[in-house]
Amino acid sequence: MIKPFANDHQSMQIGELVIENQKDKIIIYGDIDLHFDVSGHKQAQQLHELTGKILQAFENSAGYINNEPESKAKNDQSDENIDNPFM
């Protein structure tokens, strides 16, 4: 089991679901079929444990990394006026 947000080199797999650990994010991709059998139960337990650890990491954090998208309204605009080269 990975320790969420602890490093950039851990990964794990549950079924065909791949979970990659990074310091600033957790990447989850793939798919998983949870069958109503012993194997499905074990995979569901693993998912539950993993999501619990991820939530605990958020709750134990003093503050989140600010990854909110910047406004693009002025992000690509300069306050400087330039001459139009096509005129």
PDB file of N, CA and C in Angstrom:
ATOM      1  N   MET A   1       0.852  -1.174   0.000  1.00  0.00           N
ATOM      2  CA  MET A   1       0.000   0.000   0.000  1.00  0.00           C
ATOM      3  C   MET A   1       0.899   1.238   0.000  1.00  0.00           C
ATOM      4  N   ILE A   2       0.549   2.209  -0.819  1.00  0.00           N
ATOM      5  CA  ILE A   2       1.339   3.437  -0.906  1.00  0.00           C
ATOM      6  C   ILE A   2       1.034   4.364   0.269  1.00  0.00           C
ATOM      7  N   LYS A   3       1.952   5.272   0.532  1.00  0.00           N
ATOM      8  CA  LYS A   3       1.728   6.345   1.499  1.00  0.00           C
ATOM      9  C   LYS A   3       1.438   7.598   0.671  1.00  0.00           C
ATOM     10  N   PRO A   4       0.174   8.025   0.594  1.00  0.00           N
ATOM     11  CA  PRO A   4      -0.217   9.109  -0.318  1.00  0.00           C
ATOM     12  C   PRO A   4       0.586  10.401  -0.131  1.00  0.00           C
ATOM     13  N   PHE A   5       0.974  10.988  -1.235  1.00  0.00           N
ATOM     14  CA  PHE A   5       1.671  12.267  -1.327  1.00  0.00           C
ATOM     15  C   PHE A   5       3.049  12.245  -0.665  1.00  0.00           C
ATOM     16  N   ALA A   6       3.624  11.081  -0.445  1.00  0.00           N
ATOM     17  CA  ALA A   6       4.894  10.985   0.272  1.00  0.00           C
ATOM     18  C   ALA A   6       6.111  11.042  -0.651  1.00  0.00           C
ATOM     19  N   ASN A   7       5.972  10.599  -1.895  1.00  0.00           N
ATOM     20  CA  ASN A   7       7.128  10.542  -2.789  1.00  0.00           C
ATOM     21  C   ASN A   7       6.657  10.455  -4.232  1.00  0.00           C
ATOM     22  N   ASP A   8       7.602  10.433  -5.135  1.00  0.00           N
ATOM     23  CA  ASP A   8       7.292  10.396  -6.565  1.00  0.00           C
ATOM     24  C   ASP A   8       7.640   9.060  -7.213  1.00  0.00           C
ATOM     25  N   HIS A   9       7.738   7.998  -6.427  1.00  0.00           N
ATOM     26  CA  HIS A   9       8.176   6.745  -7.040  1.00  0.00           C
ATOM     27  C   HIS A   9       7.339   5.526  -6.678  1.00  0.00           C
ATOM     28  N   GLN A  10       6.308   5.665  -5.868  1.00  0.00           N
ATOM     29  CA  GLN A  10       5.494   4.502  -5.531  1.00  0.00           C
ATOM     30  C   GLN A  10       4.323   4.366  -6.497  1.00  0.00           C
ATOM     31  N   SER A  11       3.945   3.129  -6.735  1.00  0.00           N
ATOM     32  CA  SER A  11       2.717   2.858  -7.478  1.00  0.00           C
ATOM     33  C   SER A  11       2.178   1.518  -6.997  1.00  0.00           C
ATOM     34  N   MET A  12       0.922   1.307  -7.278  1.00  0.00           N
ATOM     35  CA  MET A  12       0.305   0.028  -6.928  1.00  0.00           C
ATOM     36  C   MET A  12      -0.793  -0.256  -7.941  1.00  0.00           C
ATOM     37  N   GLN A  13      -1.296  -1.463  -7.901  1.00  0.00           N
ATOM     38  CA  GLN A  13      -2.333  -1.871  -8.839  1.00  0.00           C
ATOM     39  C   GLN A  13      -3.383  -2.685  -8.099  1.00  0.00           C
ATOM     40  N   ILE A  14      -4.632  -2.376  -8.384  1.00  0.00           N
ATOM     41  CA  ILE A  14      -5.764  -3.149  -7.878  1.00  0.00           C
ATOM     42  C   ILE A  14      -6.572  -3.539  -9.115  1.00  0.00           C
ATOM     43  N   GLY A  15      -6.604  -4.807  -9.419  1.00  0.00           N
ATOM     44  CA  GLY A  15      -7.212  -5.226 -10.687  1.00  0.00           C
ATOM     45  C   GLY A  15      -6.412  -4.593 -11.817  1.00  0.00           C
ATOM     46  N   GLU A  16      -7.088  -3.929 -12.734  1.00  0.00           N
ATOM     47  CA  GLU A  16      -6.409  -3.207 -13.818  1.00  0.00           C
ATOM     48  C   GLU A  16      -6.331  -1.712 -13.509  1.00  0.00           C
ATOM     49  N   LEU A  17      -6.639  -1.337 -12.285  1.00  0.00           N
ATOM     50  CA  LEU A  17      -6.583   0.050 -11.837  1.00  0.00           C
ATOM     51  C   LEU A  17      -5.177   0.333 -11.326  1.00  0.00           C
ATOM     52  N   VAL A  18      -4.521   1.334 -11.900  1.00  0.00           N
ATOM     53  CA  VAL A  18      -3.161   1.692 -11.519  1.00  0.00           C
ATOM     54  C   VAL A  18      -3.215   2.987 -10.721  1.00  0.00           C
ATOM     55  N   ILE A  19      -2.517   3.008  -9.601  1.00  0.00           N
ATOM     56  CA  ILE A  19      -2.455   4.181  -8.737  1.00  0.00           C
ATOM     57  C   ILE A  19      -0.998   4.598  -8.633  1.00  0.00           C
ATOM     58  N   GLU A  20      -0.693   5.827  -9.077  1.00  0.00           N
ATOM     59  CA  GLU A  20       0.670   6.344  -9.020  1.00  0.00           C
ATOM     60  C   GLU A  20       0.736   7.444  -7.980  1.00  0.00           C
ATOM     61  N   ASN A  21       1.731   7.388  -7.144  1.00  0.00           N
ATOM     62  CA  ASN A  21       1.919   8.341  -6.064  1.00  0.00           C
ATOM     63  C   ASN A  21       2.868   9.446  -6.501  1.00  0.00           C
ATOM     64  N   GLN A  22       2.514  10.679  -6.196  1.00  0.00           N
ATOM     65  CA  GLN A  22       3.410  11.809  -6.377  1.00  0.00           C
ATOM     66  C   GLN A  22       3.256  12.728  -5.177  1.00  0.00           C
ATOM     67  N   LYS A  23       4.187  13.642  -4.998  1.00  0.00           N
ATOM     68  CA  LYS A  23       4.143  14.519  -3.840  1.00  0.00           C
ATOM     69  C   LYS A  23       2.979  15.502  -3.899  1.00  0.00           C
ATOM     70  N   ASP A  24       2.534  15.855  -5.109  1.00  0.00           N
ATOM     71  CA  ASP A  24       1.475  16.854  -5.233  1.00  0.00           C
ATOM     72  C   ASP A  24       0.156  16.296  -5.767  1.00  0.00           C
ATOM     73  N   LYS A  25       0.137  15.001  -6.111  1.00  0.00           N
ATOM     74  CA  LYS A  25      -1.101  14.417  -6.628  1.00  0.00           C
ATOM     75  C   LYS A  25      -1.029  12.898  -6.619  1.00  0.00           C
ATOM     76  N   ILE A  26      -2.199  12.295  -6.711  1.00  0.00           N
ATOM     77  CA  ILE A  26      -2.326  10.853  -6.884  1.00  0.00           C
ATOM     78  C   ILE A  26      -2.969  10.654  -8.251  1.00  0.00           C
ATOM     79  N   ILE A  27      -2.368   9.830  -9.088  1.00  0.00           N
ATOM     80  CA  ILE A  27      -2.891   9.573 -10.430  1.00  0.00           C
ATOM     81  C   ILE A  27      -3.510   8.183 -10.430  1.00  0.00           C
ATOM     82  N   ILE A  28      -4.778   8.103 -10.847  1.00  0.00           N
ATOM     83  CA  ILE A  28      -5.483   6.821 -10.888  1.00  0.00           C
ATOM     84  C   ILE A  28      -6.027   6.640 -12.305  1.00  0.00           C
ATOM     85  N   TYR A  29      -5.673   5.528 -12.925  1.00  0.00           N
ATOM     86  CA  TYR A  29      -6.196   5.249 -14.262  1.00  0.00           C
ATOM     87  C   TYR A  29      -6.381   3.752 -14.453  1.00  0.00           C
ATOM     88  N   GLY A  30      -7.137   3.413 -15.457  1.00  0.00           N
ATOM     89  CA  GLY A  30      -7.439   2.012 -15.728  1.00  0.00           C
ATOM     90  C   GLY A  30      -8.870   1.702 -15.347  1.00  0.00           C
ATOM     91  N   ASP A  31      -9.157   0.433 -15.167  1.00  0.00           N
ATOM     92  CA  ASP A  31     -10.506   0.053 -14.761  1.00  0.00           C
ATOM     93  C   ASP A  31     -10.450  -1.149 -13.827  1.00  0.00           C
ATOM     94  N   ILE A  32     -11.547  -1.372 -13.190  1.00  0.00           N
ATOM     95  CA  ILE A  32     -11.620  -2.495 -12.258  1.00  0.00           C
ATOM     96  C   ILE A  32     -13.045  -3.043 -12.302  1.00  0.00           C
ATOM     97  N   ASP A  33     -13.153  -4.343 -12.306  1.00  0.00           N
ATOM     98  CA  ASP A  33     -14.444  -5.024 -12.211  1.00  0.00           C
ATOM     99  C   ASP A  33     -14.515  -5.649 -10.828  1.00  0.00           C
ATOM    100  N   LEU A  34     -15.433  -5.154 -10.003  1.00  0.00           N
ATOM    101  CA  LEU A  34     -15.612  -5.711  -8.670  1.00  0.00           C
ATOM    102  C   LEU A  34     -16.710  -6.765  -8.732  1.00  0.00           C
ATOM    103  N   HIS A  35     -16.306  -8.014  -8.828  1.00  0.00           N
ATOM    104  CA  HIS A  35     -17.267  -9.115  -8.873  1.00  0.00           C
ATOM    105  C   HIS A  35     -17.746  -9.414  -7.456  1.00  0.00           C
ATOM    106  N   PHE A  36     -18.947  -9.906  -7.350  1.00  0.00           N
ATOM    107  CA  PHE A  36     -19.529 -10.227  -6.053  1.00  0.00           C
ATOM    108  C   PHE A  36     -19.032 -11.598  -5.612  1.00  0.00           C
ATOM    109  N   ASP A  37     -17.719 -11.627  -5.305  1.00  0.00           N
ATOM    110  CA  ASP A  37     -17.072 -12.857  -4.854  1.00  0.00           C
ATOM    111  C   ASP A  37     -15.918 -12.484  -3.928  1.00  0.00           C
ATOM    112  N   VAL A  38     -15.129 -13.455  -3.525  1.00  0.00           N
ATOM    113  CA  VAL A  38     -14.034 -13.225  -2.586  1.00  0.00           C
ATOM    114  C   VAL A  38     -13.011 -12.243  -3.160  1.00  0.00           C
ATOM    115  N   SER A  39     -12.675 -12.403  -4.438  1.00  0.00           N
ATOM    116  CA  SER A  39     -11.708 -11.523  -5.081  1.00  0.00           C
ATOM    117  C   SER A  39     -12.216 -10.082  -5.121  1.00  0.00           C
ATOM    118  N   GLY A  40     -13.471  -9.905  -5.486  1.00  0.00           N
ATOM    119  CA  GLY A  40     -14.075  -8.568  -5.522  1.00  0.00           C
ATOM    120  C   GLY A  40     -14.084  -7.926  -4.149  1.00  0.00           C
ATOM    121  N   HIS A  41     -14.384  -8.745  -3.138  1.00  0.00           N
ATOM    122  CA  HIS A  41     -14.380  -8.241  -1.765  1.00  0.00           C
ATOM    123  C   HIS A  41     -12.989  -7.757  -1.364  1.00  0.00           C
ATOM    124  N   LYS A  42     -11.962  -8.518  -1.703  1.00  0.00           N
ATOM    125  CA  LYS A  42     -10.587  -8.136  -1.381  1.00  0.00           C
ATOM    126  C   LYS A  42     -10.211  -6.834  -2.096  1.00  0.00           C
ATOM    127  N   GLN A  43     -10.570  -6.709  -3.369  1.00  0.00           N
ATOM    128  CA  GLN A  43     -10.262  -5.493  -4.121  1.00  0.00           C
ATOM    129  C   GLN A  43     -11.011  -4.290  -3.549  1.00  0.00           C
ATOM    130  N   ALA A  44     -12.259  -4.481  -3.148  1.00  0.00           N
ATOM    131  CA  ALA A  44     -13.031  -3.399  -2.540  1.00  0.00           C
ATOM    132  C   ALA A  44     -12.389  -2.951  -1.227  1.00  0.00           C
ATOM    133  N   GLN A  45     -11.875  -3.914  -0.452  1.00  0.00           N
ATOM    134  CA  GLN A  45     -11.186  -3.568   0.791  1.00  0.00           C
ATOM    135  C   GLN A  45      -9.924  -2.748   0.510  1.00  0.00           C
ATOM    136  N   GLN A  46      -9.188  -3.129  -0.527  1.00  0.00           N
ATOM    137  CA  GLN A  46      -7.981  -2.387  -0.892  1.00  0.00           C
ATOM    138  C   GLN A  46      -8.328  -0.958  -1.314  1.00  0.00           C
ATOM    139  N   LEU A  47      -9.373  -0.805  -2.105  1.00  0.00           N
ATOM    140  CA  LEU A  47      -9.805   0.532  -2.521  1.00  0.00           C
ATOM    141  C   LEU A  47     -10.225   1.368  -1.314  1.00  0.00           C
ATOM    142  N   HIS A  48     -10.947   0.746  -0.402  1.00  0.00           N
ATOM    143  CA  HIS A  48     -11.406   1.429   0.794  1.00  0.00           C
ATOM    144  C   HIS A  48     -10.215   1.886   1.647  1.00  0.00           C
ATOM    145  N   GLU A  49      -9.237   1.019   1.822  1.00  0.00           N
ATOM    146  CA  GLU A  49      -8.045   1.359   2.600  1.00  0.00           C
ATOM    147  C   GLU A  49      -7.274   2.494   1.931  1.00  0.00           C
ATOM    148  N   LEU A  50      -7.118   2.416   0.608  1.00  0.00           N
ATOM    149  CA  LEU A  50      -6.391   3.452  -0.126  1.00  0.00           C
ATOM    150  C   LEU A  50      -7.092   4.800  -0.020  1.00  0.00           C
ATOM    151  N   THR A  51      -8.397   4.838  -0.266  1.00  0.00           N
ATOM    152  CA  THR A  51      -9.106   6.119  -0.200  1.00  0.00           C
ATOM    153  C   THR A  51      -9.114   6.665   1.228  1.00  0.00           C
ATOM    154  N   GLY A  52      -9.149   5.789   2.210  1.00  0.00           N
ATOM    155  CA  GLY A  52      -9.050   6.224   3.598  1.00  0.00           C
ATOM    156  C   GLY A  52      -7.715   6.902   3.878  1.00  0.00           C
ATOM    157  N   LYS A  53      -6.633   6.320   3.359  1.00  0.00           N
ATOM    158  CA  LYS A  53      -5.301   6.901   3.540  1.00  0.00           C
ATOM    159  C   LYS A  53      -5.176   8.241   2.818  1.00  0.00           C
ATOM    160  N   ILE A  54      -5.771   8.332   1.626  1.00  0.00           N
ATOM    161  CA  ILE A  54      -5.735   9.598   0.875  1.00  0.00           C
ATOM    162  C   ILE A  54      -6.487  10.681   1.647  1.00  0.00           C
ATOM    163  N   LEU A  55      -7.680  10.354   2.135  1.00  0.00           N
ATOM    164  CA  LEU A  55      -8.451  11.322   2.913  1.00  0.00           C
ATOM    165  C   LEU A  55      -7.724  11.722   4.189  1.00  0.00           C
ATOM    166  N   GLN A  56      -7.076  10.771   4.837  1.00  0.00           N
ATOM    167  CA  GLN A  56      -6.328  11.064   6.062  1.00  0.00           C
ATOM    168  C   GLN A  56      -5.177  12.021   5.767  1.00  0.00           C
ATOM    169  N   ALA A  57      -4.515  11.853   4.626  1.00  0.00           N
ATOM    170  CA  ALA A  57      -3.425  12.755   4.244  1.00  0.00           C
ATOM    171  C   ALA A  57      -3.947  14.176   4.082  1.00  0.00           C
ATOM    172  N   PHE A  58      -5.135  14.328   3.471  1.00  0.00           N
ATOM    173  CA  PHE A  58      -5.739  15.651   3.345  1.00  0.00           C
ATOM    174  C   PHE A  58      -6.065  16.228   4.722  1.00  0.00           C
ATOM    175  N   GLU A  59      -6.634  15.422   5.591  1.00  0.00           N
ATOM    176  CA  GLU A  59      -7.047  15.896   6.907  1.00  0.00           C
ATOM    177  C   GLU A  59      -5.855  16.244   7.791  1.00  0.00           C
ATOM    178  N   ASN A  60      -4.732  15.569   7.601  1.00  0.00           N
ATOM    179  CA  ASN A  60      -3.540  15.830   8.405  1.00  0.00           C
ATOM    180  C   ASN A  60      -2.710  16.993   7.878  1.00  0.00           C
ATOM    181  N   SER A  61      -3.043  17.496   6.700  1.00  0.00           N
ATOM    182  CA  SER A  61      -2.269  18.563   6.084  1.00  0.00           C
ATOM    183  C   SER A  61      -2.632  19.911   6.695  1.00  0.00           C
ATOM    184  N   ALA A  62      -1.619  20.722   6.945  1.00  0.00           N
ATOM    185  CA  ALA A  62      -1.849  22.072   7.474  1.00  0.00           C
ATOM    186  C   ALA A  62      -2.473  22.965   6.409  1.00  0.00           C
ATOM    187  N   GLY A  63      -2.247  22.671   5.179  1.00  0.00           N
ATOM    188  CA  GLY A  63      -2.797  23.453   4.074  1.00  0.00           C
ATOM    189  C   GLY A  63      -2.547  22.746   2.774  1.00  0.00           C
ATOM    190  N   TYR A  64      -3.419  22.957   1.837  1.00  0.00           N
ATOM    191  CA  TYR A  64      -3.280  22.321   0.528  1.00  0.00           C
ATOM    192  C   TYR A  64      -2.370  23.154  -0.353  1.00  0.00           C
ATOM    193  N   ILE A  65      -1.796  22.516  -1.333  1.00  0.00           N
ATOM    194  CA  ILE A  65      -1.030  23.226  -2.349  1.00  0.00           C
ATOM    195  C   ILE A  65      -2.041  23.966  -3.216  1.00  0.00           C
ATOM    196  N   ASN A  66      -1.783  25.215  -3.488  1.00  0.00           N
ATOM    197  CA  ASN A  66      -2.725  26.006  -4.282  1.00  0.00           C
ATOM    198  C   ASN A  66      -2.539  25.690  -5.763  1.00  0.00           C
ATOM    199  N   ASN A  67      -3.385  24.825  -6.278  1.00  0.00           N
ATOM    200  CA  ASN A  67      -3.332  24.435  -7.686  1.00  0.00           C
ATOM    201  C   ASN A  67      -4.542  24.937  -8.457  1.00  0.00           C
ATOM    202  N   GLU A  68      -5.185  25.982  -7.944  1.00  0.00           N
ATOM    203  CA  GLU A  68      -6.356  26.490  -8.637  1.00  0.00           C
ATOM    204  C   GLU A  68      -5.916  27.124  -9.948  1.00  0.00           C
ATOM    205  N   PRO A  69      -6.669  26.858 -11.016  1.00  0.00           N
ATOM    206  CA  PRO A  69      -6.280  27.409 -12.319  1.00  0.00           C
ATOM    207  C   PRO A  69      -6.299  28.931 -12.303  1.00  0.00           C
ATOM    208  N   GLU A  70      -5.295  29.516 -12.929  1.00  0.00           N
ATOM    209  CA  GLU A  70      -5.234  30.968 -13.027  1.00  0.00           C
ATOM    210  C   GLU A  70      -6.249  31.453 -14.043  1.00  0.00           C
ATOM    211  N   SER A  71      -6.750  32.628 -13.811  1.00  0.00           N
ATOM    212  CA  SER A  71      -7.656  33.236 -14.773  1.00  0.00           C
ATOM    213  C   SER A  71      -6.869  33.558 -16.035  1.00  0.00           C
ATOM    214  N   LYS A  72      -7.407  33.199 -17.167  1.00  0.00           N
ATOM    215  CA  LYS A  72      -6.724  33.476 -18.428  1.00  0.00           C
ATOM    216  C   LYS A  72      -7.199  34.788 -19.035  1.00  0.00           C
ATOM    217  N   ALA A  73      -8.055  35.512 -18.331  1.00  0.00           N
ATOM    218  CA  ALA A  73      -8.577  36.765 -18.858  1.00  0.00           C
ATOM    219  C   ALA A  73      -7.453  37.724 -19.222  1.00  0.00           C
ATOM    220  N   LYS A  74      -6.422  37.817 -18.395  1.00  0.00           N
ATOM    221  CA  LYS A  74      -5.310  38.713 -18.692  1.00  0.00           C
ATOM    222  C   LYS A  74      -3.983  37.967 -18.704  1.00  0.00           C
ATOM    223  N   ASN A  75      -4.018  36.678 -18.496  1.00  0.00           N
ATOM    224  CA  ASN A  75      -2.791  35.900 -18.382  1.00  0.00           C
ATOM    225  C   ASN A  75      -1.927  35.969 -19.640  1.00  0.00           C
ATOM    226  N   ASP A  76      -2.555  35.989 -20.798  1.00  0.00           N
ATOM    227  CA  ASP A  76      -1.789  36.004 -22.041  1.00  0.00           C
ATOM    228  C   ASP A  76      -1.796  37.374 -22.709  1.00  0.00           C
ATOM    229  N   GLN A  77      -2.216  38.393 -21.987  1.00  0.00           N
ATOM    230  CA  GLN A  77      -2.261  39.735 -22.542  1.00  0.00           C
ATOM    231  C   GLN A  77      -1.238  40.619 -21.848  1.00  0.00           C
ATOM    232  N   SER A  78      -0.589  41.417 -22.633  1.00  0.00           N
ATOM    233  CA  SER A  78       0.372  42.365 -22.092  1.00  0.00           C
ATOM    234  C   SER A  78      -0.336  43.696 -21.885  1.00  0.00           C
ATOM    235  N   ASP A  79       0.095  44.454 -20.895  1.00  0.00           N
ATOM    236  CA  ASP A  79      -0.468  45.783 -20.666  1.00  0.00           C
ATOM    237  C   ASP A  79       0.158  46.817 -21.597  1.00  0.00           C
ATOM    238  N   GLU A  80       1.093  46.371 -22.393  1.00  0.00           N
ATOM    239  CA  GLU A  80       1.822  47.266 -23.286  1.00  0.00           C
ATOM    240  C   GLU A  80       1.164  47.266 -24.666  1.00  0.00           C
ATOM    241  N   ASN A  81       0.995  48.461 -25.250  1.00  0.00           N
ATOM    242  CA  ASN A  81       0.453  48.578 -26.611  1.00  0.00           C
ATOM    243  C   ASN A  81       1.603  48.440 -27.598  1.00  0.00           C
ATOM    244  N   ILE A  82       1.381  47.668 -28.644  1.00  0.00           N
ATOM    245  CA  ILE A  82       2.410  47.507 -29.673  1.00  0.00           C
ATOM    246  C   ILE A  82       1.806  47.845 -31.025  1.00  0.00           C
ATOM    247  N   ASP A  83       2.652  48.215 -31.971  1.00  0.00           N
ATOM    248  CA  ASP A  83       2.201  48.527 -33.314  1.00  0.00           C
ATOM    249  C   ASP A  83       1.803  47.247 -34.036  1.00  0.00           C
ATOM    250  N   ASN A  84       0.757  47.330 -34.837  1.00  0.00           N
ATOM    251  CA  ASN A  84       0.313  46.194 -35.628  1.00  0.00           C
ATOM    252  C   ASN A  84       1.280  46.007 -36.791  1.00  0.00           C
ATOM    253  N   PRO A  85       1.970  44.869 -36.881  1.00  0.00           N
ATOM    254  CA  PRO A  85       2.952  44.673 -37.953  1.00  0.00           C
ATOM    255  C   PRO A  85       2.321  44.449 -39.323  1.00  0.00           C
ATOM    256  N   PHE A  86       1.015  44.276 -39.405  1.00  0.00           N
ATOM    257  CA  PHE A  86       0.358  43.996 -40.674  1.00  0.00           C
ATOM    258  C   PHE A  86      -0.230  45.252 -41.309  1.00  0.00           C
ATOM    259  N   MET A  87      -0.031  46.380 -40.705  1.00  0.00           N
ATOM    260  CA  MET A  87      -0.584  47.626 -41.262  1.00  0.00           C
ATOM    261  C   MET A  87       0.520  48.497 -41.764  1.00  0.00           C
TER     262      MET A  87
END
